[in-house]
């Protein structure tokens, strides 16, 4: 199954490259041939659909908000050194405190 998928992917890739080369390399000796050429007709089709109203850009104003860190944030004590209890047997005991 995996070999079949690889073959299908390779075939699609080769057909895409061949079609791109054919579109780029084709030419006509006169303008009348380009009117009936399927490649040229398809290339001109999107230009016929787009109207002059749809071609104008839409401009939207965007704004961003920049949040400054509060000064209170800098005054908070660092909690990393006392975040958890010491390992068992190494912490202060009641006897050492008294």
PDB file of N, CA and C in Angstrom:
ATOM      1  N   UNK A   1       0.815  -1.190   0.000  1.00  0.00           N
ATOM      2  CA  UNK A   1       0.000   0.000   0.000  1.00  0.00           C
ATOM      3  C   UNK A   1       0.864   1.261   0.000  1.00  0.00           C
ATOM      4  N   UNK A   2       1.966   1.222   0.750  1.00  0.00           N
ATOM      5  CA  UNK A   2       2.841   2.389   0.814  1.00  0.00           C
ATOM      6  C   UNK A   2       3.510   2.649  -0.535  1.00  0.00           C
ATOM      7  N   UNK A   3       3.880   1.594  -1.254  1.00  0.00           N
ATOM      8  CA  UNK A   3       4.498   1.754  -2.565  1.00  0.00           C
ATOM      9  C   UNK A   3       3.497   2.347  -3.559  1.00  0.00           C
ATOM     10  N   UNK A   4       2.237   1.978  -3.437  1.00  0.00           N
ATOM     11  CA  UNK A   4       1.207   2.520  -4.315  1.00  0.00           C
ATOM     12  C   UNK A   4       1.004   4.009  -4.055  1.00  0.00           C
ATOM     13  N   UNK A   5       1.037   4.409  -2.801  1.00  0.00           N
ATOM     14  CA  UNK A   5       0.892   5.826  -2.460  1.00  0.00           C
ATOM     15  C   UNK A   5       2.083   6.631  -2.973  1.00  0.00           C
ATOM     16  N   UNK A   6       3.276   6.082  -2.858  1.00  0.00           N
ATOM     17  CA  UNK A   6       4.464   6.767  -3.377  1.00  0.00           C
ATOM     18  C   UNK A   6       4.386   6.908  -4.892  1.00  0.00           C
ATOM     19  N   UNK A   7       3.922   5.861  -5.563  1.00  0.00           N
ATOM     20  CA  UNK A   7       3.800   5.903  -7.021  1.00  0.00           C
ATOM     21  C   UNK A   7       2.763   6.946  -7.437  1.00  0.00           C
ATOM     22  N   UNK A   8       1.633   7.000  -6.747  1.00  0.00           N
ATOM     23  CA  UNK A   8       0.594   7.977  -7.067  1.00  0.00           C
ATOM     24  C   UNK A   8       1.092   9.400  -6.828  1.00  0.00           C
ATOM     25  N   UNK A   9       1.836   9.615  -5.742  1.00  0.00           N
ATOM     26  CA  UNK A   9       2.379  10.941  -5.458  1.00  0.00           C
ATOM     27  C   UNK A   9       3.393  11.349  -6.521  1.00  0.00           C
ATOM     28  N   UNK A  10       4.243  10.422  -6.923  1.00  0.00           N
ATOM     29  CA  UNK A  10       5.224  10.709  -7.964  1.00  0.00           C
ATOM     30  C   UNK A  10       4.545  11.006  -9.301  1.00  0.00           C
ATOM     31  N   UNK A  11       3.504  10.261  -9.628  1.00  0.00           N
ATOM     32  CA  UNK A  11       2.765  10.498 -10.868  1.00  0.00           C
ATOM     33  C   UNK A  11       2.105  11.884 -10.858  1.00  0.00           C
ATOM     34  N   UNK A  12       1.505  12.258  -9.744  1.00  0.00           N
ATOM     35  CA  UNK A  12       0.892  13.589  -9.634  1.00  0.00           C
ATOM     36  C   UNK A  12       1.936  14.693  -9.763  1.00  0.00           C
ATOM     37  N   UNK A  13       3.076  14.496  -9.142  1.00  0.00           N
ATOM     38  CA  UNK A  13       4.148  15.483  -9.222  1.00  0.00           C
ATOM     39  C   UNK A  13       4.662  15.631 -10.655  1.00  0.00           C
ATOM     40  N   UNK A  14       4.855  14.516 -11.343  1.00  0.00           N
ATOM     41  CA  UNK A  14       5.326  14.570 -12.725  1.00  0.00           C
ATOM     42  C   UNK A  14       4.296  15.219 -13.645  1.00  0.00           C
ATOM     43  N   UNK A  15       3.012  14.927 -13.443  1.00  0.00           N
ATOM     44  CA  UNK A  15       1.977  15.550 -14.264  1.00  0.00           C
ATOM     45  C   UNK A  15       1.908  17.061 -14.020  1.00  0.00           C
ATOM     46  N   UNK A  16       2.103  17.468 -12.773  1.00  0.00           N
ATOM     47  CA  UNK A  16       2.086  18.897 -12.461  1.00  0.00           C
ATOM     48  C   UNK A  16       3.256  19.608 -13.128  1.00  0.00           C
ATOM     49  N   UNK A  17       4.442  19.030 -13.045  1.00  0.00           N
ATOM     50  CA  UNK A  17       5.623  19.633 -13.667  1.00  0.00           C
ATOM     51  C   UNK A  17       5.475  19.658 -15.183  1.00  0.00           C
ATOM     52  N   UNK A  18       4.981  18.582 -15.772  1.00  0.00           N
ATOM     53  CA  UNK A  18       4.804  18.525 -17.222  1.00  0.00           C
ATOM     54  C   UNK A  18       3.797  19.573 -17.680  1.00  0.00           C
ATOM     55  N   UNK A  19       2.701  19.742 -16.933  1.00  0.00           N
ATOM     56  CA  UNK A  19       1.688  20.735 -17.295  1.00  0.00           C
ATOM     57  C   UNK A  19       2.255  22.149 -17.188  1.00  0.00           C
ATOM     58  N   UNK A  20       3.021  22.420 -16.138  1.00  0.00           N
ATOM     59  CA  UNK A  20       3.626  23.741 -15.986  1.00  0.00           C
ATOM     60  C   UNK A  20       4.583  24.039 -17.135  1.00  0.00           C
ATOM     61  N   UNK A  21       5.371  23.063 -17.519  1.00  0.00           N
ATOM     62  CA  UNK A  21       6.294  23.266 -18.644  1.00  0.00           C
ATOM     63  C   UNK A  21       5.541  23.461 -19.958  1.00  0.00           C
ATOM     64  N   UNK A  22       4.453  22.753 -20.150  1.00  0.00           N
ATOM     65  CA  UNK A  22       3.671  22.901 -21.379  1.00  0.00           C
ATOM     66  C   UNK A  22       3.028  24.280 -21.457  1.00  0.00           C
ATOM     67  N   UNK A  23       2.541  24.790 -20.346  1.00  0.00           N
ATOM     68  CA  UNK A  23       1.920  26.120 -20.338  1.00  0.00           C
ATOM     69  C   UNK A  23       2.950  27.191 -20.648  1.00  0.00           C
ATOM     70  N   UNK A  24       4.117  27.073 -20.060  1.00  0.00           N
ATOM     71  CA  UNK A  24       5.151  28.082 -20.269  1.00  0.00           C
ATOM     72  C   UNK A  24       5.723  28.006 -21.680  1.00  0.00           C
ATOM     73  N   UNK A  25       5.875  26.821 -22.218  1.00  0.00           N
ATOM     74  CA  UNK A  25       6.578  26.651 -23.488  1.00  0.00           C
ATOM     75  C   UNK A  25       5.685  26.838 -24.719  1.00  0.00           C
ATOM     76  N   UNK A  26       4.370  26.842 -24.574  1.00  0.00           N
ATOM     77  CA  UNK A  26       3.541  26.919 -25.782  1.00  0.00           C
ATOM     78  C   UNK A  26       3.504  28.340 -26.332  1.00  0.00           C
ATOM     79  N   UNK A  27       3.345  28.443 -27.643  1.00  0.00           N
ATOM     80  CA  UNK A  27       3.277  29.741 -28.301  1.00  0.00           C
ATOM     81  C   UNK A  27       2.404  29.615 -29.550  1.00  0.00           C
ATOM     82  N   UNK A  28       1.970  30.765 -30.084  1.00  0.00           N
ATOM     83  CA  UNK A  28       1.105  30.790 -31.256  1.00  0.00           C
ATOM     84  C   UNK A  28       1.739  31.676 -32.323  1.00  0.00           C
ATOM     85  N   UNK A  29       1.533  31.290 -33.575  1.00  0.00           N
ATOM     86  CA  UNK A  29       2.090  32.076 -34.673  1.00  0.00           C
ATOM     87  C   UNK A  29       1.249  33.314 -34.962  1.00  0.00           C
ATOM     88  N   UNK A  30      -0.051  33.236 -34.671  1.00  0.00           N
ATOM     89  CA  UNK A  30      -0.904  34.414 -34.867  1.00  0.00           C
ATOM     90  C   UNK A  30      -1.917  34.506 -33.730  1.00  0.00           C
ATOM     91  N   UNK A  31      -2.607  35.631 -33.639  1.00  0.00           N
ATOM     92  CA  UNK A  31      -3.553  35.871 -32.557  1.00  0.00           C
ATOM     93  C   UNK A  31      -4.812  35.038 -32.654  1.00  0.00           C
ATOM     94  N   UNK A  32      -5.145  34.567 -33.846  1.00  0.00           N
ATOM     95  CA  UNK A  32      -6.369  33.781 -34.026  1.00  0.00           C
ATOM     96  C   UNK A  32      -6.253  32.429 -33.334  1.00  0.00           C
ATOM     97  N   UNK A  33      -5.071  31.873 -33.312  1.00  0.00           N
ATOM     98  CA  UNK A  33      -4.892  30.577 -32.653  1.00  0.00           C
ATOM     99  C   UNK A  33      -5.081  30.680 -31.145  1.00  0.00           C
ATOM    100  N   UNK A  34      -4.709  31.816 -30.567  1.00  0.00           N
ATOM    101  CA  UNK A  34      -4.834  31.961 -29.121  1.00  0.00           C
ATOM    102  C   UNK A  34      -6.290  32.062 -28.685  1.00  0.00           C
ATOM    103  N   UNK A  35      -7.204  32.413 -29.617  1.00  0.00           N
ATOM    104  CA  UNK A  35      -8.616  32.485 -29.278  1.00  0.00           C
ATOM    105  C   UNK A  35      -9.230  31.106 -29.083  1.00  0.00           C
ATOM    106  N   UNK A  36      -8.662  30.088 -29.728  1.00  0.00           N
ATOM    107  CA  UNK A  36      -9.204  28.732 -29.619  1.00  0.00           C
ATOM    108  C   UNK A  36      -8.310  27.805 -28.796  1.00  0.00           C
ATOM    109  N   UNK A  37      -7.166  28.290 -28.350  1.00  0.00           N
ATOM    110  CA  UNK A  37      -6.245  27.464 -27.565  1.00  0.00           C
ATOM    111  C   UNK A  37      -6.833  27.245 -26.161  1.00  0.00           C
ATOM    112  N   UNK A  38      -7.000  26.002 -25.737  1.00  0.00           N
ATOM    113  CA  UNK A  38      -7.595  25.740 -24.424  1.00  0.00           C
ATOM    114  C   UNK A  38      -6.765  26.327 -23.274  1.00  0.00           C
ATOM    115  N   UNK A  39      -5.457  26.326 -23.408  1.00  0.00           N
ATOM    116  CA  UNK A  39      -4.599  26.864 -22.346  1.00  0.00           C
ATOM    117  C   UNK A  39      -4.789  28.368 -22.233  1.00  0.00           C
ATOM    118  N   UNK A  40      -4.825  29.050 -23.355  1.00  0.00           N
ATOM    119  CA  UNK A  40      -4.994  30.506 -23.334  1.00  0.00           C
ATOM    120  C   UNK A  40      -6.392  30.897 -22.872  1.00  0.00           C
ATOM    121  N   UNK A  41      -7.403  30.124 -23.250  1.00  0.00           N
ATOM    122  CA  UNK A  41      -8.773  30.417 -22.823  1.00  0.00           C
ATOM    123  C   UNK A  41      -8.893  30.284 -21.313  1.00  0.00           C
ATOM    124  N   UNK A  42      -8.310  29.248 -20.740  1.00  0.00           N
ATOM    125  CA  UNK A  42      -8.358  29.056 -19.294  1.00  0.00           C
ATOM    126  C   UNK A  42      -7.551  30.132 -18.580  1.00  0.00           C
ATOM    127  N   UNK A  43      -6.446  30.563 -19.157  1.00  0.00           N
ATOM    128  CA  UNK A  43      -5.625  31.598 -18.543  1.00  0.00           C
ATOM    129  C   UNK A  43      -6.351  32.941 -18.522  1.00  0.00           C
ATOM    130  N   UNK A  44      -7.195  33.202 -19.526  1.00  0.00           N
ATOM    131  CA  UNK A  44      -7.922  34.463 -19.563  1.00  0.00           C
ATOM    132  C   UNK A  44      -9.245  34.420 -18.808  1.00  0.00           C
ATOM    133  N   UNK A  45      -9.718  33.261 -18.401  1.00  0.00           N
ATOM    134  CA  UNK A  45     -11.030  33.136 -17.763  1.00  0.00           C
ATOM    135  C   UNK A  45     -11.133  33.913 -16.445  1.00  0.00           C
ATOM    136  N   UNK A  46     -10.176  33.869 -15.532  1.00  0.00           N
ATOM    137  CA  UNK A  46     -10.328  34.638 -14.288  1.00  0.00           C
ATOM    138  C   UNK A  46     -10.360  36.138 -14.528  1.00  0.00           C
ATOM    139  N   UNK A  47      -9.686  36.629 -15.540  1.00  0.00           N
ATOM    140  CA  UNK A  47      -9.686  38.059 -15.828  1.00  0.00           C
ATOM    141  C   UNK A  47     -11.062  38.515 -16.297  1.00  0.00           C
ATOM    142  N   UNK A  48     -11.831  37.650 -16.943  1.00  0.00           N
ATOM    143  CA  UNK A  48     -13.167  38.014 -17.404  1.00  0.00           C
ATOM    144  C   UNK A  48     -14.159  38.042 -16.243  1.00  0.00           C
ATOM    145  N   UNK A  49     -13.922  37.293 -15.198  1.00  0.00           N
ATOM    146  CA  UNK A  49     -14.842  37.229 -14.066  1.00  0.00           C
ATOM    147  C   UNK A  49     -14.672  38.432 -13.151  1.00  0.00           C
ATOM    148  N   UNK A  50     -13.464  38.891 -12.947  1.00  0.00           N
ATOM    149  CA  UNK A  50     -13.183  39.988 -12.022  1.00  0.00           C
ATOM    150  C   UNK A  50     -13.711  41.287 -12.603  1.00  0.00           C
ATOM    151  N   UNK A  51     -14.523  41.987 -11.827  1.00  0.00           N
ATOM    152  CA  UNK A  51     -15.035  43.282 -12.268  1.00  0.00           C
ATOM    153  C   UNK A  51     -14.163  44.380 -11.696  1.00  0.00           C
ATOM    154  N   UNK A  52     -14.384  45.601 -12.136  1.00  0.00           N
ATOM    155  CA  UNK A  52     -13.552  46.709 -11.669  1.00  0.00           C
ATOM    156  C   UNK A  52     -13.826  47.028 -10.202  1.00  0.00           C
ATOM    157  N   UNK A  53     -15.051  46.790  -9.698  1.00  0.00           N
ATOM    158  CA  UNK A  53     -15.360  47.050  -8.297  1.00  0.00           C
ATOM    159  C   UNK A  53     -14.651  46.082  -7.369  1.00  0.00           C
ATOM    160  N   UNK A  54     -14.526  44.832  -7.784  1.00  0.00           N
ATOM    161  CA  UNK A  54     -13.905  43.823  -6.925  1.00  0.00           C
ATOM    162  C   UNK A  54     -12.386  43.957  -6.893  1.00  0.00           C
ATOM    163  N   UNK A  55     -11.809  44.686  -7.836  1.00  0.00           N
ATOM    164  CA  UNK A  55     -10.355  44.780  -7.898  1.00  0.00           C
ATOM    165  C   UNK A  55      -9.801  45.827  -6.937  1.00  0.00           C
ATOM    166  N   UNK A  56     -10.660  46.647  -6.312  1.00  0.00           N
ATOM    167  CA  UNK A  56     -10.168  47.665  -5.405  1.00  0.00           C
ATOM    168  C   UNK A  56      -9.818  47.040  -4.061  1.00  0.00           C
ATOM    169  N   UNK A  57      -8.702  47.444  -3.476  1.00  0.00           N
ATOM    170  CA  UNK A  57      -8.286  46.860  -2.204  1.00  0.00           C
ATOM    171  C   UNK A  57      -9.182  47.325  -1.056  1.00  0.00           C
ATOM    172  N   UNK A  58      -9.266  46.491  -0.057  1.00  0.00           N
ATOM    173  CA  UNK A  58     -10.015  46.825   1.144  1.00  0.00           C
ATOM    174  C   UNK A  58      -8.997  47.131   2.228  1.00  0.00           C
ATOM    175  N   UNK A  59      -9.044  48.360   2.749  1.00  0.00           N
ATOM    176  CA  UNK A  59      -8.094  48.777   3.769  1.00  0.00           C
ATOM    177  C   UNK A  59      -8.799  48.774   5.123  1.00  0.00           C
ATOM    178  N   UNK A  60      -8.180  48.143   6.081  1.00  0.00           N
ATOM    179  CA  UNK A  60      -8.734  48.052   7.422  1.00  0.00           C
ATOM    180  C   UNK A  60      -7.693  48.585   8.386  1.00  0.00           C
ATOM    181  N   UNK A  61      -8.104  49.484   9.265  1.00  0.00           N
ATOM    182  CA  UNK A  61      -7.185  50.037  10.252  1.00  0.00           C
ATOM    183  C   UNK A  61      -7.113  49.074  11.438  1.00  0.00           C
ATOM    184  N   UNK A  62      -5.923  48.699  11.783  1.00  0.00           N
ATOM    185  CA  UNK A  62      -5.694  47.819  12.914  1.00  0.00           C
ATOM    186  C   UNK A  62      -4.974  48.602  13.997  1.00  0.00           C
ATOM    187  N   UNK A  63      -5.309  48.310  15.221  1.00  0.00           N
ATOM    188  CA  UNK A  63      -4.598  48.948  16.319  1.00  0.00           C
ATOM    189  C   UNK A  63      -4.154  47.873  17.302  1.00  0.00           C
ATOM    190  N   UNK A  64      -3.061  48.142  17.955  1.00  0.00           N
ATOM    191  CA  UNK A  64      -2.546  47.200  18.938  1.00  0.00           C
ATOM    192  C   UNK A  64      -2.452  47.899  20.280  1.00  0.00           C
ATOM    193  N   UNK A  65      -2.524  47.111  21.316  1.00  0.00           N
ATOM    194  CA  UNK A  65      -2.419  47.637  22.664  1.00  0.00           C
ATOM    195  C   UNK A  65      -1.157  47.064  23.279  1.00  0.00           C
ATOM    196  N   UNK A  66      -0.322  47.942  23.783  1.00  0.00           N
ATOM    197  CA  UNK A  66       0.904  47.498  24.429  1.00  0.00           C
ATOM    198  C   UNK A  66       0.727  47.650  25.936  1.00  0.00           C
ATOM    199  N   UNK A  67       0.812  46.548  26.630  1.00  0.00           N
ATOM    200  CA  UNK A  67       0.608  46.550  28.063  1.00  0.00           C
ATOM    201  C   UNK A  67       1.971  46.621  28.740  1.00  0.00           C
ATOM    202  N   UNK A  68       2.166  47.655  29.507  1.00  0.00           N
ATOM    203  CA  UNK A  68       3.418  47.822  30.248  1.00  0.00           C
ATOM    204  C   UNK A  68       3.343  47.007  31.537  1.00  0.00           C
ATOM    205  N   UNK A  69       4.431  46.384  31.940  1.00  0.00           N
ATOM    206  CA  UNK A  69       4.401  45.640  33.200  1.00  0.00           C
ATOM    207  C   UNK A  69       4.226  46.605  34.371  1.00  0.00           C
ATOM    208  N   UNK A  70       3.462  46.170  35.342  1.00  0.00           N
ATOM    209  CA  UNK A  70       3.200  47.055  36.481  1.00  0.00           C
ATOM    210  C   UNK A  70       4.425  47.111  37.384  1.00  0.00           C
ATOM    211  N   UNK A  71       4.630  48.221  38.076  1.00  0.00           N
ATOM    212  CA  UNK A  71       5.761  48.322  38.999  1.00  0.00           C
ATOM    213  C   UNK A  71       5.631  47.341  40.158  1.00  0.00           C
ATOM    214  N   UNK A  72       4.397  46.939  40.490  1.00  0.00           N
ATOM    215  CA  UNK A  72       4.181  45.992  41.568  1.00  0.00           C
ATOM    216  C   UNK A  72       4.826  44.642  41.237  1.00  0.00           C
ATOM    217  N   UNK A  73       4.858  44.320  39.967  1.00  0.00           N
ATOM    218  CA  UNK A  73       5.449  43.045  39.537  1.00  0.00           C
ATOM    219  C   UNK A  73       6.928  42.976  39.924  1.00  0.00           C
ATOM    220  N   UNK A  74       7.628  44.066  39.880  1.00  0.00           N
ATOM    221  CA  UNK A  74       9.050  44.075  40.197  1.00  0.00           C
ATOM    222  C   UNK A  74       9.302  44.015  41.703  1.00  0.00           C
ATOM    223  N   UNK A  75       8.308  44.329  42.505  1.00  0.00           N
ATOM    224  CA  UNK A  75       8.488  44.336  43.952  1.00  0.00           C
ATOM    225  C   UNK A  75       8.168  43.000  44.608  1.00  0.00           C
ATOM    226  N   UNK A  76       7.603  42.068  43.863  1.00  0.00           N
ATOM    227  CA  UNK A  76       7.246  40.783  44.452  1.00  0.00           C
ATOM    228  C   UNK A  76       8.497  39.980  44.778  1.00  0.00           C
ATOM    229  N   UNK A  77       8.518  39.310  45.939  1.00  0.00           N
ATOM    230  CA  UNK A  77       9.712  38.520  46.285  1.00  0.00           C
ATOM    231  C   UNK A  77       9.824  37.280  45.398  1.00  0.00           C
ATOM    232  N   UNK A  78      11.020  36.827  45.239  1.00  0.00           N
ATOM    233  CA  UNK A  78      11.263  35.636  44.436  1.00  0.00           C
ATOM    234  C   UNK A  78      10.868  34.426  45.273  1.00  0.00           C
ATOM    235  N   UNK A  79      10.029  33.597  44.706  1.00  0.00           N
ATOM    236  CA  UNK A  79       9.493  32.455  45.435  1.00  0.00           C
ATOM    237  C   UNK A  79      10.240  31.175  45.079  1.00  0.00           C
ATOM    238  N   UNK A  80      11.181  31.200  44.173  1.00  0.00           N
ATOM    239  CA  UNK A  80      11.825  29.987  43.681  1.00  0.00           C
ATOM    240  C   UNK A  80      12.674  29.305  44.744  1.00  0.00           C
ATOM    241  N   UNK A  81      13.250  30.037  45.679  1.00  0.00           N
ATOM    242  CA  UNK A  81      14.125  29.423  46.678  1.00  0.00           C
ATOM    243  C   UNK A  81      13.348  28.743  47.801  1.00  0.00           C
ATOM    244  N   UNK A  82      12.100  29.079  47.970  1.00  0.00           N
ATOM    245  CA  UNK A  82      11.335  28.468  49.053  1.00  0.00           C
ATOM    246  C   UNK A  82      10.043  27.856  48.526  1.00  0.00           C
ATOM    247  N   UNK A  83      10.086  27.303  47.365  1.00  0.00           N
ATOM    248  CA  UNK A  83       8.893  26.770  46.739  1.00  0.00           C
ATOM    249  C   UNK A  83       8.440  25.438  47.262  1.00  0.00           C
ATOM    250  N   UNK A  84       9.310  24.661  47.842  1.00  0.00           N
ATOM    251  CA  UNK A  84       8.910  23.357  48.360  1.00  0.00           C
ATOM    252  C   UNK A  84       9.695  23.067  49.628  1.00  0.00           C
ATOM    253  N   UNK A  85       9.232  22.097  50.335  1.00  0.00           N
ATOM    254  CA  UNK A  85       9.871  21.734  51.595  1.00  0.00           C
ATOM    255  C   UNK A  85      11.203  21.039  51.323  1.00  0.00           C
ATOM    256  N   UNK A  86      12.148  21.120  52.263  1.00  0.00           N
ATOM    257  CA  UNK A  86      13.422  20.425  52.081  1.00  0.00           C
ATOM    258  C   UNK A  86      13.220  18.919  52.169  1.00  0.00           C
ATOM    259  N   UNK A  87      14.157  18.148  51.679  1.00  0.00           N
ATOM    260  CA  UNK A  87      14.038  16.686  51.768  1.00  0.00           C
ATOM    261  C   UNK A  87      13.922  16.231  53.220  1.00  0.00           C
ATOM    262  N   UNK A  88      13.313  15.095  53.398  1.00  0.00           N
ATOM    263  CA  UNK A  88      13.073  14.577  54.745  1.00  0.00           C
ATOM    264  C   UNK A  88      14.413  14.370  55.476  1.00  0.00           C
ATOM    265  N   UNK A  89      14.450  14.800  56.704  1.00  0.00           N
ATOM    266  CA  UNK A  89      15.627  14.616  57.527  1.00  0.00           C
ATOM    267  C   UNK A  89      16.655  15.718  57.396  1.00  0.00           C
ATOM    268  N   UNK A  90      16.484  16.653  56.503  1.00  0.00           N
ATOM    269  CA  UNK A  90      17.474  17.710  56.328  1.00  0.00           C
ATOM    270  C   UNK A  90      16.943  19.078  56.713  1.00  0.00           C
ATOM    271  N   UNK A  91      15.673  19.178  57.025  1.00  0.00           N
ATOM    272  CA  UNK A  91      15.089  20.453  57.369  1.00  0.00           C
ATOM    273  C   UNK A  91      15.300  20.765  58.850  1.00  0.00           C
ATOM    274  N   UNK A  92      14.909  21.955  59.278  1.00  0.00           N
ATOM    275  CA  UNK A  92      15.043  22.304  60.694  1.00  0.00           C
ATOM    276  C   UNK A  92      14.081  21.458  61.527  1.00  0.00           C
ATOM    277  N   UNK A  93      14.523  21.093  62.655  1.00  0.00           N
ATOM    278  CA  UNK A  93      13.705  20.300  63.576  1.00  0.00           C
ATOM    279  C   UNK A  93      13.310  21.141  64.763  1.00  0.00           C
ATOM    280  N   UNK A  94      12.410  20.605  65.538  1.00  0.00           N
ATOM    281  CA  UNK A  94      11.964  21.331  66.726  1.00  0.00           C
ATOM    282  C   UNK A  94      13.103  21.462  67.720  1.00  0.00           C
ATOM    283  N   UNK A  95      13.954  20.448  67.815  1.00  0.00           N
ATOM    284  CA  UNK A  95      15.079  20.483  68.783  1.00  0.00           C
ATOM    285  C   UNK A  95      16.086  21.557  68.409  1.00  0.00           C
ATOM    286  N   UNK A  96      16.327  21.762  67.107  1.00  0.00           N
ATOM    287  CA  UNK A  96      17.307  22.769  66.717  1.00  0.00           C
ATOM    288  C   UNK A  96      16.760  24.178  66.854  1.00  0.00           C
ATOM    289  N   UNK A  97      15.446  24.340  66.808  1.00  0.00           N
ATOM    290  CA  UNK A  97      14.856  25.642  66.925  1.00  0.00           C
ATOM    291  C   UNK A  97      14.849  26.100  68.387  1.00  0.00           C
ATOM    292  N   UNK A  98      14.627  25.155  69.304  1.00  0.00           N
ATOM    293  CA  UNK A  98      14.565  25.499  70.726  1.00  0.00           C
ATOM    294  C   UNK A  98      15.895  25.713  71.278  1.00  0.00           C
TER     295      UNK A  98
END
